[in-house]
Amino acid sequence: MSQSSIPDQVPPVGAKKLLWSIVGAVAVAAVVLVGAVLPAEYGIDPTGIGGVLGLDTMRSTPGKTFEVVDVVGGNETYRDVEIPDFGDPVPLPNPAVHQDEMDTPPHSQTLTVELDVDEETEIKALMSAGKMFLYSWRVDRGQIYSDFHGHDPEAGDEYWVRYKEQQEGMGNNGSLVAPFSGEHGWYWQNYNAFPVVITLTITGYYDDIIDYGIL
């Protein structure tokens, strides 16, 4: 009978060899990170390799952002503040909900504008951030398109914020606390087969009213 052969045992990997393997893997990862990932994802190219390979152009240019500040929020947790001594008021986390206008009474204006068939117009109130007004508008007959929105001049013409849109509306009532300083108001378009008259009343703390007329 033939004697079965015993397979050779795999010699254990030396600690020094294992250490060098780990160091080599870390070095390769570092090269990939610096030479490829950073230029492609973040536009950071310390070695210049990303520019040579065109990896730096893969990173998309970030768009401009515009933050609308919550100027009236912040009081949701008013019940969580420490209760003061008996008879003393509980402090509001955001005291700006009250604005003292001791020497300035609110403005109040009523404007009317007539729109012929397919005509459009805009009326805006110039306001500082945090100021407010009440408004009411009505059309004498039919329904029209309206867009209540705001523009921040410092953010550029392409930036605007919509508060309310009505594809078919006979009017609307409401209020606005300006989230930023700028123009806040309405765009109207008459798509009826007859002229209409819009009546707008604004009451509050604004600086001026801009009537852009027929556009």
N, C-alpha and C. Protein backbone atom coordinates (compact mmCIF):
# COMPACT_ATOMS: atom_id res chain seq x y z
N MET A 1 0.84 -1.18 0.00
CA MET A 1 0.00 0.00 0.00
C MET A 1 0.88 1.24 0.00
N SER A 2 0.43 2.22 -0.82
CA SER A 2 1.24 3.45 -0.88
C SER A 2 0.86 4.38 0.25
N GLN A 3 1.84 5.04 0.78
CA GLN A 3 1.63 5.97 1.90
C GLN A 3 1.14 7.31 1.37
N SER A 4 -0.04 7.75 1.92
CA SER A 4 -0.61 9.04 1.44
C SER A 4 0.30 10.18 1.85
N SER A 5 0.39 11.15 0.91
CA SER A 5 1.27 12.29 1.17
C SER A 5 0.57 13.34 2.01
N ILE A 6 1.30 13.97 2.87
CA ILE A 6 0.77 15.02 3.74
C ILE A 6 1.01 16.35 3.06
N PRO A 7 -0.08 17.13 2.82
CA PRO A 7 0.12 18.42 2.12
C PRO A 7 1.01 19.34 2.93
N ASP A 8 1.77 20.13 2.18
CA ASP A 8 2.66 21.07 2.84
C ASP A 8 1.86 22.15 3.55
N GLN A 9 2.25 22.54 4.70
CA GLN A 9 1.61 23.60 5.44
C GLN A 9 2.10 24.97 4.95
N VAL A 10 1.11 25.96 4.90
CA VAL A 10 1.47 27.31 4.48
C VAL A 10 2.21 28.00 5.60
N PRO A 11 3.38 28.48 5.32
CA PRO A 11 4.14 29.12 6.39
C PRO A 11 3.45 30.39 6.85
N PRO A 12 3.45 30.69 8.10
CA PRO A 12 2.79 31.89 8.63
C PRO A 12 3.46 33.15 8.08
N VAL A 13 2.59 34.17 7.87
CA VAL A 13 3.10 35.44 7.38
C VAL A 13 3.82 36.16 8.50
N GLY A 14 4.99 36.64 8.22
CA GLY A 14 5.76 37.33 9.22
C GLY A 14 5.13 38.66 9.59
N ALA A 15 5.32 39.09 10.80
CA ALA A 15 4.75 40.35 11.27
C ALA A 15 5.30 41.52 10.49
N LYS A 16 6.57 41.44 10.11
CA LYS A 16 7.18 42.54 9.37
C LYS A 16 6.58 42.66 7.98
N LYS A 17 6.34 41.47 7.36
CA LYS A 17 5.77 41.48 6.02
C LYS A 17 4.34 42.01 6.07
N LEU A 18 3.55 41.63 7.09
CA LEU A 18 2.18 42.10 7.24
C LEU A 18 2.14 43.61 7.45
N LEU A 19 3.09 44.11 8.23
CA LEU A 19 3.14 45.55 8.49
C LEU A 19 3.40 46.32 7.21
N TRP A 20 4.33 45.82 6.39
CA TRP A 20 4.64 46.49 5.13
C TRP A 20 3.44 46.44 4.18
N SER A 21 2.65 45.36 4.23
CA SER A 21 1.45 45.27 3.39
C SER A 21 0.45 46.34 3.78
N ILE A 22 0.28 46.51 5.08
CA ILE A 22 -0.66 47.53 5.56
C ILE A 22 -0.19 48.93 5.17
N VAL A 23 1.11 49.17 5.35
CA VAL A 23 1.66 50.48 4.99
C VAL A 23 1.47 50.74 3.50
N GLY A 24 1.68 49.72 2.67
CA GLY A 24 1.52 49.89 1.24
C GLY A 24 0.08 50.20 0.86
N ALA A 25 -0.88 49.52 1.51
CA ALA A 25 -2.30 49.77 1.22
C ALA A 25 -2.69 51.19 1.61
N VAL A 26 -2.19 51.65 2.77
CA VAL A 26 -2.49 53.01 3.22
C VAL A 26 -1.90 54.03 2.25
N ALA A 27 -0.68 53.76 1.78
CA ALA A 27 -0.03 54.68 0.84
C ALA A 27 -0.80 54.78 -0.46
N VAL A 28 -1.28 53.65 -0.98
CA VAL A 28 -2.06 53.66 -2.22
C VAL A 28 -3.36 54.44 -2.02
N ALA A 29 -4.03 54.21 -0.88
CA ALA A 29 -5.27 54.93 -0.60
C ALA A 29 -5.04 56.43 -0.50
N ALA A 30 -3.90 56.82 0.09
CA ALA A 30 -3.59 58.24 0.22
C ALA A 30 -3.35 58.86 -1.15
N VAL A 31 -2.66 58.13 -2.03
CA VAL A 31 -2.40 58.63 -3.39
C VAL A 31 -3.71 58.82 -4.14
N VAL A 32 -4.61 57.84 -4.02
CA VAL A 32 -5.91 57.93 -4.69
C VAL A 32 -6.71 59.11 -4.15
N LEU A 33 -6.67 59.29 -2.82
CA LEU A 33 -7.41 60.39 -2.19
C LEU A 33 -6.91 61.74 -2.68
N VAL A 34 -5.58 61.94 -2.63
CA VAL A 34 -5.00 63.23 -2.99
C VAL A 34 -5.04 63.46 -4.49
N GLY A 35 -4.78 62.41 -5.28
CA GLY A 35 -4.67 62.59 -6.72
C GLY A 35 -5.98 62.53 -7.48
N ALA A 36 -7.01 61.86 -6.89
CA ALA A 36 -8.26 61.67 -7.65
C ALA A 36 -9.49 62.18 -6.91
N VAL A 37 -9.67 61.74 -5.68
CA VAL A 37 -10.92 62.06 -4.97
C VAL A 37 -11.03 63.56 -4.67
N LEU A 38 -9.97 64.13 -4.10
CA LEU A 38 -10.03 65.55 -3.74
C LEU A 38 -10.25 66.46 -4.95
N PRO A 39 -9.52 66.26 -6.09
CA PRO A 39 -9.80 67.12 -7.25
C PRO A 39 -11.19 66.93 -7.83
N ALA A 40 -11.66 65.66 -7.89
CA ALA A 40 -12.94 65.38 -8.53
C ALA A 40 -14.11 65.81 -7.68
N GLU A 41 -14.05 65.60 -6.37
CA GLU A 41 -15.19 65.86 -5.50
C GLU A 41 -15.18 67.24 -4.88
N TYR A 42 -14.01 67.77 -4.56
CA TYR A 42 -13.93 69.02 -3.80
C TYR A 42 -13.15 70.14 -4.50
N GLY A 43 -12.59 69.84 -5.67
CA GLY A 43 -11.83 70.85 -6.38
C GLY A 43 -10.50 71.18 -5.74
N ILE A 44 -10.01 70.31 -4.87
CA ILE A 44 -8.73 70.52 -4.20
C ILE A 44 -7.68 69.67 -4.92
N ASP A 45 -6.65 70.31 -5.46
CA ASP A 45 -5.66 69.59 -6.26
C ASP A 45 -4.25 70.00 -5.85
N PRO A 46 -3.75 69.51 -4.69
CA PRO A 46 -2.44 69.93 -4.21
C PRO A 46 -1.28 69.43 -5.07
N THR A 47 -1.46 68.32 -5.77
CA THR A 47 -0.37 67.75 -6.57
C THR A 47 -0.40 68.19 -8.02
N GLY A 48 -1.53 68.71 -8.49
CA GLY A 48 -1.66 69.09 -9.90
C GLY A 48 -2.06 67.94 -10.79
N ILE A 49 -2.14 66.72 -10.24
CA ILE A 49 -2.50 65.56 -11.05
C ILE A 49 -3.95 65.66 -11.53
N GLY A 50 -4.81 66.17 -10.65
CA GLY A 50 -6.20 66.29 -11.03
C GLY A 50 -6.40 67.19 -12.23
N GLY A 51 -5.62 68.30 -12.30
CA GLY A 51 -5.73 69.19 -13.45
C GLY A 51 -5.24 68.53 -14.72
N VAL A 52 -4.14 67.75 -14.61
CA VAL A 52 -3.59 67.07 -15.79
C VAL A 52 -4.58 66.05 -16.33
N LEU A 53 -5.23 65.31 -15.43
CA LEU A 53 -6.17 64.27 -15.83
C LEU A 53 -7.58 64.80 -16.08
N GLY A 54 -7.81 66.08 -15.80
CA GLY A 54 -9.13 66.66 -16.00
C GLY A 54 -10.14 66.30 -14.93
N LEU A 55 -9.65 65.81 -13.78
CA LEU A 55 -10.57 65.41 -12.72
C LEU A 55 -11.20 66.61 -12.02
N ASP A 56 -10.48 67.73 -12.01
CA ASP A 56 -11.00 68.89 -11.30
C ASP A 56 -12.24 69.47 -11.97
N THR A 57 -12.44 69.17 -13.26
CA THR A 57 -13.62 69.67 -13.97
C THR A 57 -14.85 68.84 -13.70
N MET A 58 -14.68 67.68 -13.06
CA MET A 58 -15.82 66.82 -12.77
C MET A 58 -16.67 67.38 -11.65
N ARG A 59 -16.10 68.20 -10.82
CA ARG A 59 -16.85 68.75 -9.69
C ARG A 59 -17.85 69.77 -10.21
N SER A 60 -19.12 69.59 -9.89
CA SER A 60 -20.14 70.52 -10.34
C SER A 60 -20.04 71.82 -9.57
N THR A 61 -20.23 72.93 -10.26
CA THR A 61 -20.16 74.23 -9.62
C THR A 61 -21.37 74.41 -8.72
N PRO A 62 -21.19 74.70 -7.43
CA PRO A 62 -22.33 74.84 -6.55
C PRO A 62 -23.19 76.03 -6.93
N GLY A 63 -24.52 75.86 -6.84
CA GLY A 63 -25.44 76.94 -7.16
C GLY A 63 -25.48 77.96 -6.04
N LYS A 64 -25.95 79.16 -6.38
CA LYS A 64 -26.11 80.20 -5.37
C LYS A 64 -27.28 79.84 -4.47
N THR A 65 -27.13 80.11 -3.22
CA THR A 65 -28.19 79.81 -2.27
C THR A 65 -28.69 81.10 -1.65
N PHE A 66 -29.91 81.04 -1.16
CA PHE A 66 -30.55 82.21 -0.58
C PHE A 66 -31.34 81.75 0.63
N GLU A 67 -31.01 82.26 1.78
CA GLU A 67 -31.66 81.85 3.01
C GLU A 67 -32.78 82.82 3.36
N VAL A 68 -33.97 82.27 3.54
CA VAL A 68 -35.10 83.06 4.02
C VAL A 68 -35.17 82.89 5.53
N VAL A 69 -34.95 83.96 6.25
CA VAL A 69 -34.87 83.91 7.70
C VAL A 69 -36.28 83.85 8.30
N ASP A 70 -36.46 82.97 9.28
CA ASP A 70 -37.72 82.91 10.01
C ASP A 70 -37.75 84.06 11.00
N VAL A 71 -38.39 85.15 10.62
CA VAL A 71 -38.32 86.36 11.43
C VAL A 71 -39.35 86.37 12.55
N VAL A 72 -40.34 85.48 12.51
CA VAL A 72 -41.35 85.48 13.56
C VAL A 72 -41.34 84.20 14.38
N GLY A 73 -40.55 83.22 13.98
CA GLY A 73 -40.51 81.96 14.72
C GLY A 73 -39.65 82.08 15.96
N GLY A 74 -39.46 80.97 16.63
CA GLY A 74 -38.57 80.93 17.79
C GLY A 74 -39.29 80.93 19.12
N ASN A 75 -40.62 81.00 19.10
CA ASN A 75 -41.34 81.01 20.37
C ASN A 75 -42.08 79.69 20.61
N GLU A 76 -41.75 78.67 19.82
CA GLU A 76 -42.42 77.40 19.99
C GLU A 76 -42.15 76.78 21.36
N THR A 77 -41.01 77.14 21.95
CA THR A 77 -40.62 76.53 23.23
C THR A 77 -40.81 77.49 24.40
N TYR A 78 -41.73 78.44 24.26
CA TYR A 78 -41.85 79.44 25.32
C TYR A 78 -42.31 78.80 26.64
N ARG A 79 -42.98 77.66 26.57
CA ARG A 79 -43.42 76.99 27.79
C ARG A 79 -42.27 76.27 28.50
N ASP A 80 -41.13 76.12 27.79
CA ASP A 80 -40.00 75.38 28.37
C ASP A 80 -39.04 76.28 29.13
N VAL A 81 -39.24 77.59 29.08
CA VAL A 81 -38.32 78.47 29.77
C VAL A 81 -38.59 78.42 31.27
N GLU A 82 -37.60 78.85 32.02
CA GLU A 82 -37.72 78.81 33.48
C GLU A 82 -38.83 79.75 33.95
N ILE A 83 -39.69 79.23 34.82
CA ILE A 83 -40.80 80.02 35.33
C ILE A 83 -40.26 81.05 36.33
N PRO A 84 -40.57 82.31 36.12
CA PRO A 84 -40.04 83.35 37.01
C PRO A 84 -40.83 83.39 38.32
N ASP A 85 -40.52 84.38 39.11
CA ASP A 85 -41.26 84.55 40.36
C ASP A 85 -42.72 84.83 40.07
N PHE A 86 -43.55 84.53 41.05
CA PHE A 86 -44.99 84.70 40.89
C PHE A 86 -45.32 86.15 40.51
N GLY A 87 -46.11 86.30 39.47
CA GLY A 87 -46.51 87.62 39.03
C GLY A 87 -45.62 88.22 37.95
N ASP A 88 -44.43 87.65 37.73
CA ASP A 88 -43.53 88.15 36.69
C ASP A 88 -43.82 87.44 35.36
N PRO A 89 -43.64 88.14 34.24
CA PRO A 89 -43.94 87.51 32.94
C PRO A 89 -42.88 86.48 32.56
N VAL A 90 -43.30 85.50 31.80
CA VAL A 90 -42.37 84.52 31.26
C VAL A 90 -41.67 85.14 30.06
N PRO A 91 -40.34 85.15 30.01
CA PRO A 91 -39.63 85.78 28.87
C PRO A 91 -39.84 84.98 27.59
N LEU A 92 -40.08 85.68 26.49
CA LEU A 92 -40.21 85.03 25.19
C LEU A 92 -38.83 84.73 24.62
N PRO A 93 -38.61 83.52 24.09
CA PRO A 93 -37.33 83.23 23.44
C PRO A 93 -37.04 84.19 22.28
N ASN A 94 -38.08 84.61 21.58
CA ASN A 94 -37.91 85.57 20.49
C ASN A 94 -38.79 86.78 20.77
N PRO A 95 -38.27 87.79 21.44
CA PRO A 95 -39.10 88.96 21.77
C PRO A 95 -39.45 89.81 20.57
N ALA A 96 -38.89 89.51 19.37
CA ALA A 96 -39.15 90.33 18.19
C ALA A 96 -40.57 90.20 17.67
N VAL A 97 -41.39 89.32 18.28
CA VAL A 97 -42.77 89.23 17.83
C VAL A 97 -43.52 90.53 18.11
N HIS A 98 -43.00 91.31 19.05
CA HIS A 98 -43.57 92.64 19.29
C HIS A 98 -42.58 93.69 18.82
N GLN A 99 -43.06 94.58 17.97
CA GLN A 99 -42.21 95.65 17.45
C GLN A 99 -42.81 96.98 17.85
N ASP A 100 -42.05 97.74 18.56
CA ASP A 100 -42.52 99.02 19.07
C ASP A 100 -42.38 100.09 18.00
N GLU A 101 -43.51 100.63 17.57
CA GLU A 101 -43.52 101.71 16.58
C GLU A 101 -44.19 102.93 17.21
N MET A 102 -43.64 103.37 18.33
CA MET A 102 -44.28 104.40 19.14
C MET A 102 -44.55 105.68 18.35
N ASP A 103 -43.58 106.11 17.53
CA ASP A 103 -43.69 107.39 16.84
C ASP A 103 -44.13 107.26 15.39
N THR A 104 -44.44 106.04 14.94
CA THR A 104 -44.79 105.83 13.54
C THR A 104 -46.11 105.07 13.44
N PRO A 105 -47.19 105.73 13.14
CA PRO A 105 -48.46 105.02 12.96
C PRO A 105 -48.41 104.18 11.69
N PRO A 106 -49.21 103.15 11.60
CA PRO A 106 -49.21 102.32 10.40
C PRO A 106 -49.76 103.09 9.20
N HIS A 107 -49.19 102.80 8.02
CA HIS A 107 -49.71 103.37 6.79
C HIS A 107 -50.96 102.60 6.37
N SER A 108 -51.81 103.25 5.60
CA SER A 108 -52.96 102.58 5.01
C SER A 108 -53.26 103.21 3.66
N GLN A 109 -53.25 102.38 2.62
CA GLN A 109 -53.50 102.88 1.28
C GLN A 109 -54.44 101.94 0.54
N THR A 110 -55.29 102.51 -0.28
CA THR A 110 -56.15 101.75 -1.18
C THR A 110 -55.85 102.18 -2.61
N LEU A 111 -55.55 101.21 -3.45
CA LEU A 111 -55.20 101.48 -4.85
C LEU A 111 -56.14 100.70 -5.75
N THR A 112 -56.44 101.26 -6.89
CA THR A 112 -57.23 100.56 -7.91
C THR A 112 -56.45 100.57 -9.21
N VAL A 113 -56.56 99.49 -9.95
CA VAL A 113 -55.89 99.38 -11.24
C VAL A 113 -56.83 98.64 -12.19
N GLU A 114 -56.96 99.15 -13.40
CA GLU A 114 -57.79 98.52 -14.42
C GLU A 114 -56.91 97.76 -15.39
N LEU A 115 -57.28 96.50 -15.61
CA LEU A 115 -56.55 95.66 -16.56
C LEU A 115 -57.46 95.32 -17.72
N ASP A 116 -57.00 95.63 -18.93
CA ASP A 116 -57.73 95.23 -20.13
C ASP A 116 -57.45 93.76 -20.40
N VAL A 117 -58.02 93.26 -21.45
CA VAL A 117 -57.86 91.84 -21.81
C VAL A 117 -56.38 91.52 -22.01
N ASP A 118 -55.91 90.48 -21.34
CA ASP A 118 -54.52 89.98 -21.42
C ASP A 118 -53.48 90.96 -20.87
N GLU A 119 -53.89 92.01 -20.19
CA GLU A 119 -52.92 92.91 -19.58
C GLU A 119 -52.46 92.37 -18.23
N GLU A 120 -51.28 92.85 -17.79
CA GLU A 120 -50.69 92.40 -16.53
C GLU A 120 -50.06 93.59 -15.82
N THR A 121 -49.92 93.46 -14.49
CA THR A 121 -49.35 94.55 -13.71
C THR A 121 -48.73 94.00 -12.44
N GLU A 122 -47.97 94.86 -11.76
CA GLU A 122 -47.38 94.52 -10.46
C GLU A 122 -47.50 95.72 -9.53
N ILE A 123 -47.83 95.43 -8.27
CA ILE A 123 -47.83 96.43 -7.21
C ILE A 123 -47.05 95.85 -6.04
N LYS A 124 -46.06 96.59 -5.55
CA LYS A 124 -45.18 96.09 -4.51
C LYS A 124 -45.10 97.09 -3.35
N ALA A 125 -44.90 96.57 -2.16
CA ALA A 125 -44.62 97.39 -0.99
C ALA A 125 -43.15 97.26 -0.64
N LEU A 126 -42.49 98.39 -0.42
CA LEU A 126 -41.10 98.37 0.05
C LEU A 126 -41.13 98.20 1.56
N MET A 127 -40.46 97.15 2.05
CA MET A 127 -40.51 96.82 3.48
C MET A 127 -39.13 96.44 3.98
N SER A 128 -38.90 96.70 5.26
CA SER A 128 -37.70 96.22 5.93
C SER A 128 -38.00 94.85 6.53
N ALA A 129 -36.96 94.05 6.71
CA ALA A 129 -37.12 92.71 7.27
C ALA A 129 -37.79 92.78 8.64
N GLY A 130 -38.77 91.93 8.84
CA GLY A 130 -39.46 91.86 10.12
C GLY A 130 -40.68 92.75 10.24
N LYS A 131 -40.86 93.70 9.30
CA LYS A 131 -42.03 94.57 9.33
C LYS A 131 -43.22 93.81 8.72
N MET A 132 -44.43 94.28 9.01
CA MET A 132 -45.61 93.54 8.56
C MET A 132 -46.68 94.47 8.00
N PHE A 133 -47.56 93.87 7.19
CA PHE A 133 -48.76 94.57 6.76
C PHE A 133 -49.91 93.58 6.62
N LEU A 134 -51.12 94.12 6.69
CA LEU A 134 -52.35 93.40 6.38
C LEU A 134 -52.78 93.83 4.99
N TYR A 135 -53.40 92.92 4.24
CA TYR A 135 -53.80 93.28 2.89
C TYR A 135 -55.15 92.64 2.55
N SER A 136 -55.80 93.26 1.59
CA SER A 136 -57.04 92.72 1.03
C SER A 136 -57.16 93.20 -0.40
N TRP A 137 -57.40 92.29 -1.34
CA TRP A 137 -57.61 92.70 -2.72
C TRP A 137 -58.80 91.95 -3.31
N ARG A 138 -59.49 92.63 -4.22
CA ARG A 138 -60.66 92.08 -4.88
C ARG A 138 -60.69 92.52 -6.34
N VAL A 139 -61.25 91.67 -7.20
CA VAL A 139 -61.48 92.03 -8.59
C VAL A 139 -62.99 92.20 -8.77
N ASP A 140 -63.39 93.18 -9.58
CA ASP A 140 -64.81 93.52 -9.64
C ASP A 140 -65.66 92.47 -10.34
N ARG A 141 -65.06 91.67 -11.23
CA ARG A 141 -65.81 90.61 -11.89
C ARG A 141 -64.84 89.61 -12.49
N GLY A 142 -65.34 88.41 -12.69
CA GLY A 142 -64.51 87.36 -13.24
C GLY A 142 -63.44 86.90 -12.25
N GLN A 143 -62.48 86.18 -12.77
CA GLN A 143 -61.35 85.69 -12.00
C GLN A 143 -60.06 86.00 -12.76
N ILE A 144 -58.97 86.22 -12.01
CA ILE A 144 -57.69 86.56 -12.63
C ILE A 144 -56.58 85.73 -12.00
N TYR A 145 -55.43 85.76 -12.66
CA TYR A 145 -54.23 85.10 -12.11
C TYR A 145 -53.51 86.07 -11.18
N SER A 146 -53.05 85.55 -10.03
CA SER A 146 -52.28 86.40 -9.10
C SER A 146 -51.12 85.62 -8.53
N ASP A 147 -50.05 86.34 -8.25
CA ASP A 147 -48.86 85.75 -7.63
C ASP A 147 -48.34 86.73 -6.59
N PHE A 148 -48.46 86.35 -5.32
CA PHE A 148 -48.00 87.17 -4.21
C PHE A 148 -46.59 86.70 -3.85
N HIS A 149 -45.59 87.61 -3.96
CA HIS A 149 -44.20 87.18 -3.83
C HIS A 149 -43.33 88.34 -3.35
N GLY A 150 -42.05 88.04 -3.12
CA GLY A 150 -41.10 89.04 -2.66
C GLY A 150 -39.78 88.94 -3.37
N HIS A 151 -39.11 90.09 -3.53
CA HIS A 151 -37.78 90.17 -4.15
C HIS A 151 -36.80 90.78 -3.15
N ASP A 152 -35.61 90.20 -3.08
CA ASP A 152 -34.52 90.78 -2.30
C ASP A 152 -33.52 91.38 -3.28
N PRO A 153 -33.40 92.71 -3.37
CA PRO A 153 -32.50 93.32 -4.35
C PRO A 153 -31.05 92.87 -4.20
N GLU A 154 -30.61 92.60 -2.98
CA GLU A 154 -29.22 92.21 -2.77
C GLU A 154 -28.94 90.79 -3.25
N ALA A 155 -29.98 89.99 -3.46
CA ALA A 155 -29.78 88.61 -3.90
C ALA A 155 -29.78 88.48 -5.42
N GLY A 156 -30.12 89.55 -6.14
CA GLY A 156 -30.15 89.49 -7.59
C GLY A 156 -31.56 89.30 -8.12
N ASP A 157 -31.75 89.66 -9.38
CA ASP A 157 -33.08 89.62 -9.99
C ASP A 157 -33.64 88.21 -10.10
N GLU A 158 -32.76 87.21 -10.15
CA GLU A 158 -33.24 85.85 -10.35
C GLU A 158 -33.79 85.21 -9.08
N TYR A 159 -33.64 85.89 -7.95
CA TYR A 159 -34.10 85.32 -6.69
C TYR A 159 -35.38 85.99 -6.24
N TRP A 160 -36.41 85.18 -6.03
CA TRP A 160 -37.66 85.69 -5.49
C TRP A 160 -38.34 84.57 -4.72
N VAL A 161 -39.22 84.94 -3.82
CA VAL A 161 -39.89 83.99 -2.94
C VAL A 161 -41.39 84.13 -3.14
N ARG A 162 -42.07 83.02 -3.40
CA ARG A 162 -43.53 83.04 -3.59
C ARG A 162 -44.22 82.78 -2.26
N TYR A 163 -45.18 83.64 -1.94
CA TYR A 163 -46.00 83.45 -0.75
C TYR A 163 -47.32 82.75 -1.08
N LYS A 164 -47.95 83.14 -2.18
CA LYS A 164 -49.23 82.53 -2.55
C LYS A 164 -49.47 82.74 -4.04
N GLU A 165 -49.91 81.67 -4.72
CA GLU A 165 -50.25 81.75 -6.13
C GLU A 165 -51.70 81.32 -6.31
N GLN A 166 -52.43 82.06 -7.14
CA GLN A 166 -53.81 81.72 -7.47
C GLN A 166 -53.96 81.72 -8.99
N GLN A 167 -54.20 80.54 -9.55
CA GLN A 167 -54.43 80.46 -10.98
C GLN A 167 -55.74 81.12 -11.36
N GLU A 168 -56.74 80.99 -10.50
CA GLU A 168 -58.04 81.60 -10.71
C GLU A 168 -58.50 82.17 -9.38
N GLY A 169 -58.52 83.48 -9.28
CA GLY A 169 -58.88 84.10 -8.01
C GLY A 169 -59.71 85.34 -8.19
N MET A 170 -60.62 85.53 -7.24
CA MET A 170 -61.45 86.73 -7.22
C MET A 170 -60.94 87.72 -6.18
N GLY A 171 -59.97 87.29 -5.34
CA GLY A 171 -59.42 88.15 -4.31
C GLY A 171 -58.76 87.34 -3.23
N ASN A 172 -58.23 88.04 -2.24
CA ASN A 172 -57.55 87.36 -1.14
C ASN A 172 -57.34 88.34 0.00
N ASN A 173 -57.35 87.82 1.23
CA ASN A 173 -57.03 88.60 2.43
C ASN A 173 -55.89 87.90 3.16
N GLY A 174 -55.06 88.67 3.86
CA GLY A 174 -53.99 88.03 4.61
C GLY A 174 -53.05 89.05 5.24
N SER A 175 -51.90 88.55 5.65
CA SER A 175 -50.87 89.39 6.25
C SER A 175 -49.52 88.87 5.84
N LEU A 176 -48.51 89.71 6.01
CA LEU A 176 -47.15 89.32 5.68
C LEU A 176 -46.19 89.95 6.66
N VAL A 177 -45.27 89.15 7.20
CA VAL A 177 -44.10 89.64 7.91
C VAL A 177 -42.92 89.43 6.97
N ALA A 178 -42.28 90.52 6.55
CA ALA A 178 -41.25 90.43 5.52
C ALA A 178 -40.07 89.59 5.99
N PRO A 179 -39.73 88.51 5.28
CA PRO A 179 -38.59 87.68 5.67
C PRO A 179 -37.25 88.33 5.34
N PHE A 180 -37.26 89.38 4.52
CA PHE A 180 -36.05 90.12 4.17
C PHE A 180 -36.47 91.50 3.70
N SER A 181 -35.54 92.40 3.67
CA SER A 181 -35.81 93.75 3.18
C SER A 181 -35.90 93.73 1.66
N GLY A 182 -36.91 94.39 1.12
CA GLY A 182 -37.06 94.40 -0.32
C GLY A 182 -38.47 94.74 -0.74
N GLU A 183 -38.86 94.24 -1.91
CA GLU A 183 -40.18 94.48 -2.47
C GLU A 183 -41.06 93.25 -2.26
N HIS A 184 -42.28 93.50 -1.77
CA HIS A 184 -43.20 92.41 -1.49
C HIS A 184 -44.58 92.81 -2.02
N GLY A 185 -45.14 92.00 -2.91
CA GLY A 185 -46.43 92.37 -3.46
C GLY A 185 -46.93 91.40 -4.50
N TRP A 186 -47.69 91.91 -5.47
CA TRP A 186 -48.51 91.08 -6.34
C TRP A 186 -48.20 91.30 -7.81
N TYR A 187 -48.31 90.20 -8.53
CA TYR A 187 -48.37 90.23 -9.99
C TYR A 187 -49.77 89.72 -10.36
N TRP A 188 -50.48 90.48 -11.21
CA TRP A 188 -51.81 90.09 -11.66
C TRP A 188 -51.86 90.05 -13.18
N GLN A 189 -52.64 89.10 -13.72
CA GLN A 189 -52.86 89.03 -15.16
C GLN A 189 -54.34 88.77 -15.41
N ASN A 190 -54.91 89.54 -16.32
CA ASN A 190 -56.31 89.39 -16.69
C ASN A 190 -56.43 88.53 -17.93
N TYR A 191 -56.91 87.30 -17.78
CA TYR A 191 -57.08 86.42 -18.94
C TYR A 191 -58.54 86.33 -19.37
N ASN A 192 -59.38 87.24 -18.82
CA ASN A 192 -60.78 87.26 -19.22
C ASN A 192 -60.96 87.95 -20.58
N ALA A 193 -62.14 87.82 -21.13
CA ALA A 193 -62.46 88.46 -22.41
C ALA A 193 -63.04 89.85 -22.19
N PHE A 194 -62.84 90.40 -20.98
CA PHE A 194 -63.38 91.72 -20.65
C PHE A 194 -62.43 92.39 -19.65
N PRO A 195 -62.44 93.71 -19.57
CA PRO A 195 -61.58 94.41 -18.60
C PRO A 195 -62.04 94.14 -17.17
N VAL A 196 -61.10 94.27 -16.23
CA VAL A 196 -61.43 94.12 -14.81
C VAL A 196 -60.77 95.25 -14.04
N VAL A 197 -61.29 95.50 -12.83
CA VAL A 197 -60.72 96.49 -11.94
C VAL A 197 -60.35 95.80 -10.63
N ILE A 198 -59.08 95.95 -10.23
CA ILE A 198 -58.57 95.36 -8.99
C ILE A 198 -58.49 96.47 -7.95
N THR A 199 -59.00 96.19 -6.76
CA THR A 199 -58.90 97.12 -5.64
C THR A 199 -58.05 96.47 -4.55
N LEU A 200 -56.98 97.14 -4.16
CA LEU A 200 -56.04 96.62 -3.16
C LEU A 200 -55.95 97.59 -2.00
N THR A 201 -56.05 97.06 -0.78
CA THR A 201 -55.86 97.85 0.43
C THR A 201 -54.73 97.23 1.26
N ILE A 202 -53.77 98.06 1.63
CA ILE A 202 -52.63 97.62 2.45
C ILE A 202 -52.56 98.51 3.68
N THR A 203 -52.43 97.87 4.84
CA THR A 203 -52.29 98.60 6.10
C THR A 203 -51.15 97.98 6.89
N GLY A 204 -50.20 98.81 7.31
CA GLY A 204 -49.10 98.26 8.10
C GLY A 204 -47.87 99.13 8.07
N TYR A 205 -46.73 98.50 8.33
CA TYR A 205 -45.46 99.21 8.45
C TYR A 205 -44.59 98.91 7.23
N TYR A 206 -44.77 99.72 6.22
CA TYR A 206 -43.99 99.63 5.00
C TYR A 206 -43.49 101.03 4.67
N ASP A 207 -42.49 101.10 3.81
CA ASP A 207 -41.87 102.38 3.48
C ASP A 207 -42.53 103.10 2.32
N ASP A 208 -42.97 102.32 1.32
CA ASP A 208 -43.54 102.95 0.14
C ASP A 208 -44.29 101.89 -0.66
N ILE A 209 -45.14 102.34 -1.58
CA ILE A 209 -45.84 101.46 -2.50
C ILE A 209 -45.36 101.78 -3.92
N ILE A 210 -45.00 100.76 -4.67
CA ILE A 210 -44.55 100.91 -6.05
C ILE A 210 -45.61 100.32 -6.97
N ASP A 211 -46.19 101.16 -7.81
CA ASP A 211 -47.15 100.72 -8.81
C ASP A 211 -46.43 100.67 -10.16
N TYR A 212 -46.19 99.48 -10.65
CA TYR A 212 -45.42 99.33 -11.89
C TYR A 212 -46.26 99.58 -13.14
N GLY A 213 -47.57 99.81 -12.96
CA GLY A 213 -48.42 100.09 -14.11
C GLY A 213 -48.59 98.87 -15.00
N ILE A 214 -49.05 99.10 -16.21
CA ILE A 214 -49.25 97.99 -17.16
C ILE A 214 -47.91 97.54 -17.69
N LEU A 215 -47.64 96.25 -17.59
CA LEU A 215 -46.35 95.69 -18.01
C LEU A 215 -46.37 95.29 -19.48
